[in-house]
């Protein structure tokens, strides 16, 4: 009833559909198939309240990386960040946890310093500012009066 032309066009349509799904999965899932064009920088924070893996890392409002891993080390949060190669981060850069808007997502803001020495792969930032807890600020204000 159906001819070879119909079977061939259905086959081509299916192959094209599967190729589109694979492409979208790789692009949207941020899968890196061809090697990494990033390097890892870590920083320790006293509190990272609300920060999650894959959160943005920004310099001057421009995304330059993302949070790769969060672990607990010596009662502090150790945050590993993947930074795009070519991004120059000096060793006196300050890493701060900030919120987009009033109740938005948390991200890491990098404020570059004036040092000529750069942080390389597997390097660490020493100067950090922990997350500000809105709940703590409100409770301090309410219960101090």
N, C-alpha and C. Protein backbone atom coordinates (compact mmCIF):
# COMPACT_ATOMS: atom_id res chain seq x y z
N UNK A 1 0.81 -1.18 0.00
CA UNK A 1 0.00 0.00 0.00
C UNK A 1 0.87 1.26 0.00
N UNK A 2 1.89 1.29 0.88
CA UNK A 2 2.81 2.42 0.90
C UNK A 2 4.02 2.08 0.06
N UNK A 3 4.54 3.06 -0.63
CA UNK A 3 5.68 2.83 -1.50
C UNK A 3 7.00 3.07 -0.80
N UNK A 4 8.06 2.77 -1.54
CA UNK A 4 9.41 2.97 -1.00
C UNK A 4 9.68 4.44 -0.69
N UNK A 5 9.10 5.37 -1.48
CA UNK A 5 9.32 6.79 -1.25
C UNK A 5 8.81 7.20 0.12
N UNK A 6 7.68 6.70 0.53
CA UNK A 6 7.12 7.04 1.84
C UNK A 6 8.00 6.51 2.95
N UNK A 7 8.47 5.28 2.80
CA UNK A 7 9.33 4.69 3.82
C UNK A 7 10.65 5.47 3.94
N UNK A 8 11.21 5.87 2.83
CA UNK A 8 12.46 6.63 2.84
C UNK A 8 12.24 7.99 3.49
N UNK A 9 11.14 8.69 3.13
CA UNK A 9 10.90 10.00 3.73
C UNK A 9 10.62 9.90 5.22
N UNK A 10 9.94 8.88 5.66
CA UNK A 10 9.71 8.69 7.10
C UNK A 10 11.05 8.42 7.80
N UNK A 11 11.89 7.62 7.20
CA UNK A 11 13.22 7.33 7.77
C UNK A 11 14.06 8.59 7.87
N UNK A 12 14.08 9.40 6.83
CA UNK A 12 14.84 10.65 6.87
C UNK A 12 14.28 11.59 7.94
N UNK A 13 12.96 11.66 8.03
CA UNK A 13 12.32 12.50 9.05
C UNK A 13 12.70 12.03 10.46
N UNK A 14 12.72 10.74 10.68
CA UNK A 14 13.08 10.20 12.01
C UNK A 14 14.55 10.49 12.33
N UNK A 15 15.46 10.32 11.39
CA UNK A 15 16.88 10.59 11.61
C UNK A 15 17.08 12.08 11.92
N UNK A 16 16.41 12.94 11.17
CA UNK A 16 16.52 14.39 11.41
C UNK A 16 15.97 14.74 12.80
N UNK A 17 14.86 14.14 13.19
CA UNK A 17 14.27 14.38 14.51
C UNK A 17 15.20 13.94 15.63
N UNK A 18 15.80 12.77 15.49
CA UNK A 18 16.73 12.28 16.52
C UNK A 18 17.97 13.17 16.58
N UNK A 19 18.47 13.61 15.43
CA UNK A 19 19.64 14.51 15.41
C UNK A 19 19.30 15.82 16.12
N UNK A 20 18.12 16.36 15.91
CA UNK A 20 17.71 17.59 16.60
C UNK A 20 17.63 17.38 18.11
N UNK A 21 17.09 16.25 18.55
CA UNK A 21 17.01 15.95 19.99
C UNK A 21 18.40 15.84 20.62
N UNK A 22 19.32 15.19 19.93
CA UNK A 22 20.69 15.06 20.44
C UNK A 22 21.33 16.44 20.54
N UNK A 23 21.17 17.25 19.50
CA UNK A 23 21.74 18.59 19.50
C UNK A 23 21.19 19.42 20.67
N UNK A 24 19.88 19.42 20.85
CA UNK A 24 19.28 20.18 21.94
C UNK A 24 19.71 19.66 23.31
N UNK A 25 19.83 18.36 23.45
CA UNK A 25 20.27 17.78 24.73
C UNK A 25 21.68 18.23 25.08
N UNK A 26 22.56 18.25 24.09
CA UNK A 26 23.94 18.66 24.33
C UNK A 26 24.01 20.15 24.63
N UNK A 27 23.30 20.99 23.86
CA UNK A 27 23.35 22.44 24.06
C UNK A 27 22.69 22.86 25.37
N UNK A 28 21.50 22.37 25.65
CA UNK A 28 20.77 22.78 26.85
C UNK A 28 21.32 22.14 28.11
N UNK A 29 21.87 20.96 27.98
CA UNK A 29 22.43 20.27 29.15
C UNK A 29 23.85 20.66 29.44
N UNK A 30 24.42 21.52 28.64
CA UNK A 30 25.80 21.99 28.79
C UNK A 30 26.78 20.83 28.87
N UNK A 31 26.58 19.85 28.03
CA UNK A 31 27.49 18.71 27.97
C UNK A 31 28.70 19.10 27.14
N UNK A 32 29.88 18.80 27.65
CA UNK A 32 31.11 19.16 26.95
C UNK A 32 31.70 17.91 26.31
N UNK A 33 31.51 17.76 25.00
CA UNK A 33 31.96 16.56 24.31
C UNK A 33 33.39 16.67 23.77
N UNK A 34 33.87 17.87 23.56
CA UNK A 34 35.12 18.05 22.84
C UNK A 34 36.21 18.70 23.68
N UNK A 35 36.27 18.40 24.96
CA UNK A 35 37.30 18.97 25.81
C UNK A 35 36.83 20.25 26.47
N UNK A 36 37.48 20.58 27.54
CA UNK A 36 37.04 21.72 28.33
C UNK A 36 37.79 22.99 27.94
N UNK A 37 37.05 24.09 27.87
CA UNK A 37 37.68 25.38 27.63
C UNK A 37 37.53 26.25 28.87
N UNK A 38 37.61 25.59 30.03
CA UNK A 38 37.49 26.27 31.31
C UNK A 38 38.63 25.85 32.23
N UNK A 39 38.80 26.61 33.32
CA UNK A 39 39.73 26.20 34.37
C UNK A 39 39.01 26.36 35.70
N UNK A 40 39.52 25.68 36.74
CA UNK A 40 38.83 25.62 38.03
C UNK A 40 39.52 26.52 39.04
N UNK A 41 38.71 27.32 39.73
CA UNK A 41 39.17 28.18 40.81
C UNK A 41 38.27 27.89 42.01
N UNK A 42 38.85 27.81 43.21
CA UNK A 42 38.05 27.52 44.40
C UNK A 42 38.10 28.69 45.37
N UNK A 43 37.11 28.69 46.28
CA UNK A 43 37.05 29.71 47.32
C UNK A 43 36.28 29.13 48.51
N UNK A 44 36.68 29.51 49.72
CA UNK A 44 36.00 29.05 50.93
C UNK A 44 35.13 30.17 51.48
N UNK A 45 33.91 29.81 51.88
CA UNK A 45 32.95 30.75 52.42
C UNK A 45 32.45 30.26 53.77
N UNK A 46 32.16 31.18 54.68
CA UNK A 46 31.57 30.84 55.96
C UNK A 46 30.13 30.39 55.82
N UNK A 47 29.41 30.95 54.85
CA UNK A 47 28.02 30.59 54.58
C UNK A 47 27.73 30.81 53.10
N UNK A 48 27.09 29.83 52.49
CA UNK A 48 26.71 29.96 51.07
C UNK A 48 25.20 29.85 50.92
N UNK A 49 24.47 30.17 51.93
CA UNK A 49 23.03 29.99 52.00
C UNK A 49 22.33 30.30 50.67
N UNK A 50 21.75 29.28 50.07
CA UNK A 50 20.98 29.44 48.83
C UNK A 50 21.77 29.28 47.55
N UNK A 51 23.09 29.21 47.62
CA UNK A 51 23.90 29.04 46.42
C UNK A 51 23.81 27.59 45.97
N UNK A 52 23.66 27.38 44.67
CA UNK A 52 23.52 26.03 44.14
C UNK A 52 24.55 25.76 43.05
N UNK A 53 24.79 24.48 42.80
CA UNK A 53 25.66 24.08 41.69
C UNK A 53 25.04 24.60 40.39
N UNK A 54 25.86 25.05 39.48
CA UNK A 54 25.49 25.63 38.18
C UNK A 54 25.07 27.09 38.30
N UNK A 55 25.20 27.69 39.50
CA UNK A 55 24.93 29.13 39.63
C UNK A 55 25.97 29.91 38.85
N UNK A 56 25.61 31.07 38.42
CA UNK A 56 26.47 31.91 37.60
C UNK A 56 27.62 32.52 38.41
N UNK A 57 28.76 32.70 37.75
CA UNK A 57 29.90 33.43 38.30
C UNK A 57 30.09 34.63 37.38
N UNK A 58 30.09 35.84 37.96
CA UNK A 58 30.11 37.05 37.14
C UNK A 58 31.20 38.02 37.57
N UNK A 59 31.71 38.75 36.59
CA UNK A 59 32.61 39.88 36.82
C UNK A 59 31.96 41.07 36.13
N UNK A 60 31.70 42.14 36.87
CA UNK A 60 31.08 43.35 36.34
C UNK A 60 29.74 43.05 35.64
N UNK A 61 29.01 42.07 36.15
CA UNK A 61 27.71 41.72 35.58
C UNK A 61 27.77 40.81 34.38
N UNK A 62 28.97 40.43 33.95
CA UNK A 62 29.13 39.57 32.77
C UNK A 62 29.43 38.15 33.23
N UNK A 63 28.63 37.17 32.79
CA UNK A 63 28.89 35.78 33.18
C UNK A 63 30.24 35.30 32.64
N UNK A 64 31.09 34.76 33.54
CA UNK A 64 32.40 34.25 33.13
C UNK A 64 32.59 32.80 33.54
N UNK A 65 31.57 32.21 34.13
CA UNK A 65 31.68 30.82 34.56
C UNK A 65 30.46 30.40 35.34
N UNK A 66 30.62 29.23 36.01
CA UNK A 66 29.53 28.71 36.82
C UNK A 66 30.10 27.90 37.98
N UNK A 67 29.27 27.69 38.99
CA UNK A 67 29.66 26.88 40.14
C UNK A 67 29.66 25.42 39.73
N UNK A 68 30.79 24.75 39.94
CA UNK A 68 30.94 23.36 39.53
C UNK A 68 30.60 22.39 40.66
N UNK A 69 31.06 22.72 41.88
CA UNK A 69 30.94 21.77 42.99
C UNK A 69 30.94 22.53 44.31
N UNK A 70 30.15 22.05 45.28
CA UNK A 70 30.12 22.63 46.61
C UNK A 70 30.33 21.50 47.62
N UNK A 71 31.33 21.65 48.49
CA UNK A 71 31.60 20.65 49.51
C UNK A 71 31.87 21.34 50.84
N UNK A 72 31.82 20.56 51.91
CA UNK A 72 32.12 21.07 53.24
C UNK A 72 33.54 20.68 53.60
N UNK A 73 34.35 21.68 53.98
CA UNK A 73 35.74 21.43 54.35
C UNK A 73 36.07 22.27 55.58
N UNK A 74 36.39 21.61 56.66
CA UNK A 74 36.75 22.27 57.92
C UNK A 74 35.68 23.29 58.34
N UNK A 75 34.43 22.86 58.34
CA UNK A 75 33.28 23.67 58.73
C UNK A 75 33.09 24.93 57.89
N UNK A 76 33.64 24.94 56.70
CA UNK A 76 33.41 26.01 55.74
C UNK A 76 33.00 25.39 54.41
N UNK A 77 32.28 26.17 53.62
CA UNK A 77 31.84 25.70 52.31
C UNK A 77 32.95 25.96 51.29
N UNK A 78 33.42 24.91 50.64
CA UNK A 78 34.42 25.03 49.58
C UNK A 78 33.67 25.01 48.25
N UNK A 79 33.76 26.10 47.51
CA UNK A 79 33.06 26.23 46.24
C UNK A 79 34.07 26.19 45.11
N UNK A 80 33.87 25.25 44.19
CA UNK A 80 34.72 25.16 43.00
C UNK A 80 33.97 25.78 41.84
N UNK A 81 34.64 26.69 41.13
CA UNK A 81 34.02 27.40 40.02
C UNK A 81 34.75 27.08 38.72
N UNK A 82 33.99 26.85 37.66
CA UNK A 82 34.56 26.69 36.33
C UNK A 82 34.56 28.06 35.68
N UNK A 83 35.75 28.56 35.33
CA UNK A 83 35.90 29.88 34.73
C UNK A 83 36.32 29.71 33.27
N UNK A 84 35.73 30.50 32.38
CA UNK A 84 36.09 30.43 30.95
C UNK A 84 37.54 30.81 30.75
N UNK A 85 38.24 30.03 29.94
CA UNK A 85 39.64 30.35 29.63
C UNK A 85 39.69 31.72 28.97
N UNK A 86 40.74 32.44 29.29
CA UNK A 86 40.88 33.79 28.77
C UNK A 86 40.41 34.83 29.77
N UNK A 87 39.68 34.40 30.81
CA UNK A 87 39.26 35.31 31.86
C UNK A 87 40.41 35.44 32.85
N UNK A 88 40.88 36.65 33.04
CA UNK A 88 42.02 36.90 33.92
C UNK A 88 41.51 37.24 35.32
N UNK A 89 41.88 36.42 36.29
CA UNK A 89 41.48 36.64 37.67
C UNK A 89 42.74 36.82 38.51
N UNK A 90 42.87 37.99 39.12
CA UNK A 90 44.06 38.25 39.94
C UNK A 90 43.92 37.56 41.29
N UNK A 91 45.05 37.34 41.96
CA UNK A 91 45.02 36.59 43.21
C UNK A 91 44.41 37.37 44.37
N UNK A 92 44.15 38.67 44.19
CA UNK A 92 43.50 39.44 45.25
C UNK A 92 42.03 39.76 44.93
N UNK A 93 41.47 38.99 44.00
CA UNK A 93 40.05 39.13 43.66
C UNK A 93 39.19 38.72 44.85
N UNK A 94 38.10 39.46 45.07
CA UNK A 94 37.16 39.14 46.15
C UNK A 94 35.96 38.41 45.56
N UNK A 95 35.64 37.23 46.11
CA UNK A 95 34.48 36.46 45.69
C UNK A 95 33.35 36.69 46.70
N UNK A 96 32.21 37.20 46.21
CA UNK A 96 31.07 37.49 47.07
C UNK A 96 29.85 36.73 46.58
N UNK A 97 29.03 36.26 47.51
CA UNK A 97 27.77 35.62 47.13
C UNK A 97 26.70 36.70 47.17
N UNK A 98 26.05 36.91 46.03
CA UNK A 98 25.04 37.95 45.90
C UNK A 98 23.73 37.35 45.42
N UNK A 99 22.69 38.15 45.48
CA UNK A 99 21.36 37.74 45.04
C UNK A 99 20.94 38.62 43.87
N UNK A 100 20.40 37.99 42.83
CA UNK A 100 19.86 38.76 41.70
C UNK A 100 18.49 39.28 42.13
N UNK A 101 18.37 40.59 42.24
CA UNK A 101 17.12 41.18 42.69
C UNK A 101 16.96 40.99 44.19
N UNK A 102 15.75 41.17 44.68
CA UNK A 102 15.50 41.07 46.12
C UNK A 102 15.45 39.62 46.58
N UNK A 103 14.73 38.78 45.86
CA UNK A 103 14.62 37.37 46.27
C UNK A 103 14.98 36.44 45.12
N UNK A 104 15.90 36.87 44.27
CA UNK A 104 16.29 36.08 43.11
C UNK A 104 17.30 35.00 43.43
N UNK A 105 17.84 34.41 42.39
CA UNK A 105 18.84 33.36 42.53
C UNK A 105 20.15 33.92 43.06
N UNK A 106 20.89 33.08 43.75
CA UNK A 106 22.22 33.47 44.24
C UNK A 106 23.24 33.23 43.13
N UNK A 107 24.28 34.06 43.12
CA UNK A 107 25.37 33.91 42.18
C UNK A 107 26.65 34.40 42.86
N UNK A 108 27.79 34.14 42.25
CA UNK A 108 29.06 34.59 42.80
C UNK A 108 29.55 35.78 41.98
N UNK A 109 29.80 36.88 42.68
CA UNK A 109 30.33 38.08 42.04
C UNK A 109 31.82 38.14 42.35
N UNK A 110 32.62 38.25 41.30
CA UNK A 110 34.06 38.40 41.46
C UNK A 110 34.42 39.86 41.27
N UNK A 111 35.07 40.45 42.27
CA UNK A 111 35.51 41.84 42.20
C UNK A 111 37.03 41.85 42.08
N UNK A 112 37.55 42.11 40.88
CA UNK A 112 39.00 42.04 40.66
C UNK A 112 39.76 43.05 41.49
N UNK A 113 40.94 42.65 41.91
CA UNK A 113 41.84 43.54 42.65
C UNK A 113 42.85 44.15 41.70
N UNK A 114 43.92 44.68 42.26
CA UNK A 114 44.92 45.36 41.44
C UNK A 114 46.19 44.57 41.23
N UNK A 115 46.26 43.36 41.75
CA UNK A 115 47.48 42.57 41.66
C UNK A 115 47.76 42.13 40.22
N UNK A 116 49.04 41.98 39.90
CA UNK A 116 49.45 41.48 38.59
C UNK A 116 49.49 39.96 38.56
N UNK A 117 49.54 39.33 39.76
CA UNK A 117 49.61 37.87 39.84
C UNK A 117 48.22 37.29 39.58
N UNK A 118 48.17 36.30 38.69
CA UNK A 118 46.89 35.69 38.31
C UNK A 118 46.70 34.34 38.97
N UNK A 119 45.44 33.97 39.16
CA UNK A 119 45.08 32.65 39.68
C UNK A 119 44.97 31.71 38.49
N UNK A 120 45.63 30.58 38.57
CA UNK A 120 45.60 29.61 37.49
C UNK A 120 44.64 28.47 37.80
N UNK A 121 44.72 27.43 36.97
CA UNK A 121 43.89 26.24 37.16
C UNK A 121 44.18 25.62 38.52
N UNK A 122 43.15 25.27 39.23
CA UNK A 122 43.20 24.68 40.58
C UNK A 122 43.67 25.69 41.63
N UNK A 123 43.64 26.97 41.27
CA UNK A 123 44.02 28.02 42.21
C UNK A 123 42.89 28.33 43.18
N UNK A 124 43.18 29.16 44.17
CA UNK A 124 42.18 29.49 45.19
C UNK A 124 42.15 31.00 45.43
N UNK A 125 40.96 31.49 45.69
CA UNK A 125 40.77 32.88 46.09
C UNK A 125 40.70 32.94 47.60
N UNK A 126 41.45 33.85 48.20
CA UNK A 126 41.52 33.94 49.66
C UNK A 126 40.48 34.89 50.24
N UNK A 127 40.13 35.94 49.51
CA UNK A 127 39.20 36.94 50.02
C UNK A 127 37.78 36.61 49.58
N UNK A 128 36.90 36.35 50.56
CA UNK A 128 35.51 36.01 50.24
C UNK A 128 34.55 36.78 51.15
N UNK A 129 33.34 36.95 50.67
CA UNK A 129 32.25 37.53 51.45
C UNK A 129 31.09 36.55 51.40
N UNK A 130 30.65 36.08 52.55
CA UNK A 130 29.58 35.09 52.61
C UNK A 130 28.23 35.68 52.24
N UNK A 131 27.27 34.79 52.05
CA UNK A 131 25.91 35.20 51.70
C UNK A 131 25.27 35.94 52.86
N UNK A 132 24.48 36.95 52.52
CA UNK A 132 23.72 37.68 53.53
C UNK A 132 22.35 37.03 53.62
N UNK A 133 21.97 36.63 54.82
CA UNK A 133 20.69 35.97 55.02
C UNK A 133 19.62 37.02 55.33
N UNK A 134 18.65 37.13 54.45
CA UNK A 134 17.56 38.07 54.65
C UNK A 134 16.77 37.72 55.91
N UNK A 135 16.62 36.43 56.16
CA UNK A 135 15.88 35.98 57.35
C UNK A 135 16.59 36.41 58.63
N UNK A 136 17.93 36.29 58.65
CA UNK A 136 18.68 36.72 59.82
C UNK A 136 18.57 38.22 60.05
N UNK A 137 18.65 38.99 58.98
CA UNK A 137 18.53 40.44 59.11
C UNK A 137 17.16 40.85 59.66
N UNK A 138 16.11 40.22 59.15
CA UNK A 138 14.76 40.53 59.60
C UNK A 138 14.58 40.13 61.06
N UNK A 139 15.06 38.94 61.42
CA UNK A 139 14.89 38.49 62.81
C UNK A 139 15.70 39.37 63.78
N UNK A 140 16.88 39.81 63.38
CA UNK A 140 17.65 40.72 64.23
C UNK A 140 16.91 42.03 64.43
N UNK A 141 16.32 42.54 63.36
CA UNK A 141 15.58 43.79 63.45
C UNK A 141 14.36 43.65 64.34
N UNK A 142 13.64 42.56 64.19
CA UNK A 142 12.40 42.35 64.96
C UNK A 142 12.71 42.13 66.44
N UNK A 143 13.67 41.28 66.76
CA UNK A 143 13.92 40.90 68.14
C UNK A 143 14.84 41.86 68.89
N UNK A 144 15.48 42.79 68.22
CA UNK A 144 16.32 43.77 68.92
C UNK A 144 15.49 44.89 69.52
N UNK A 145 14.27 45.08 69.08
CA UNK A 145 13.46 46.19 69.60
C UNK A 145 12.71 45.83 70.83
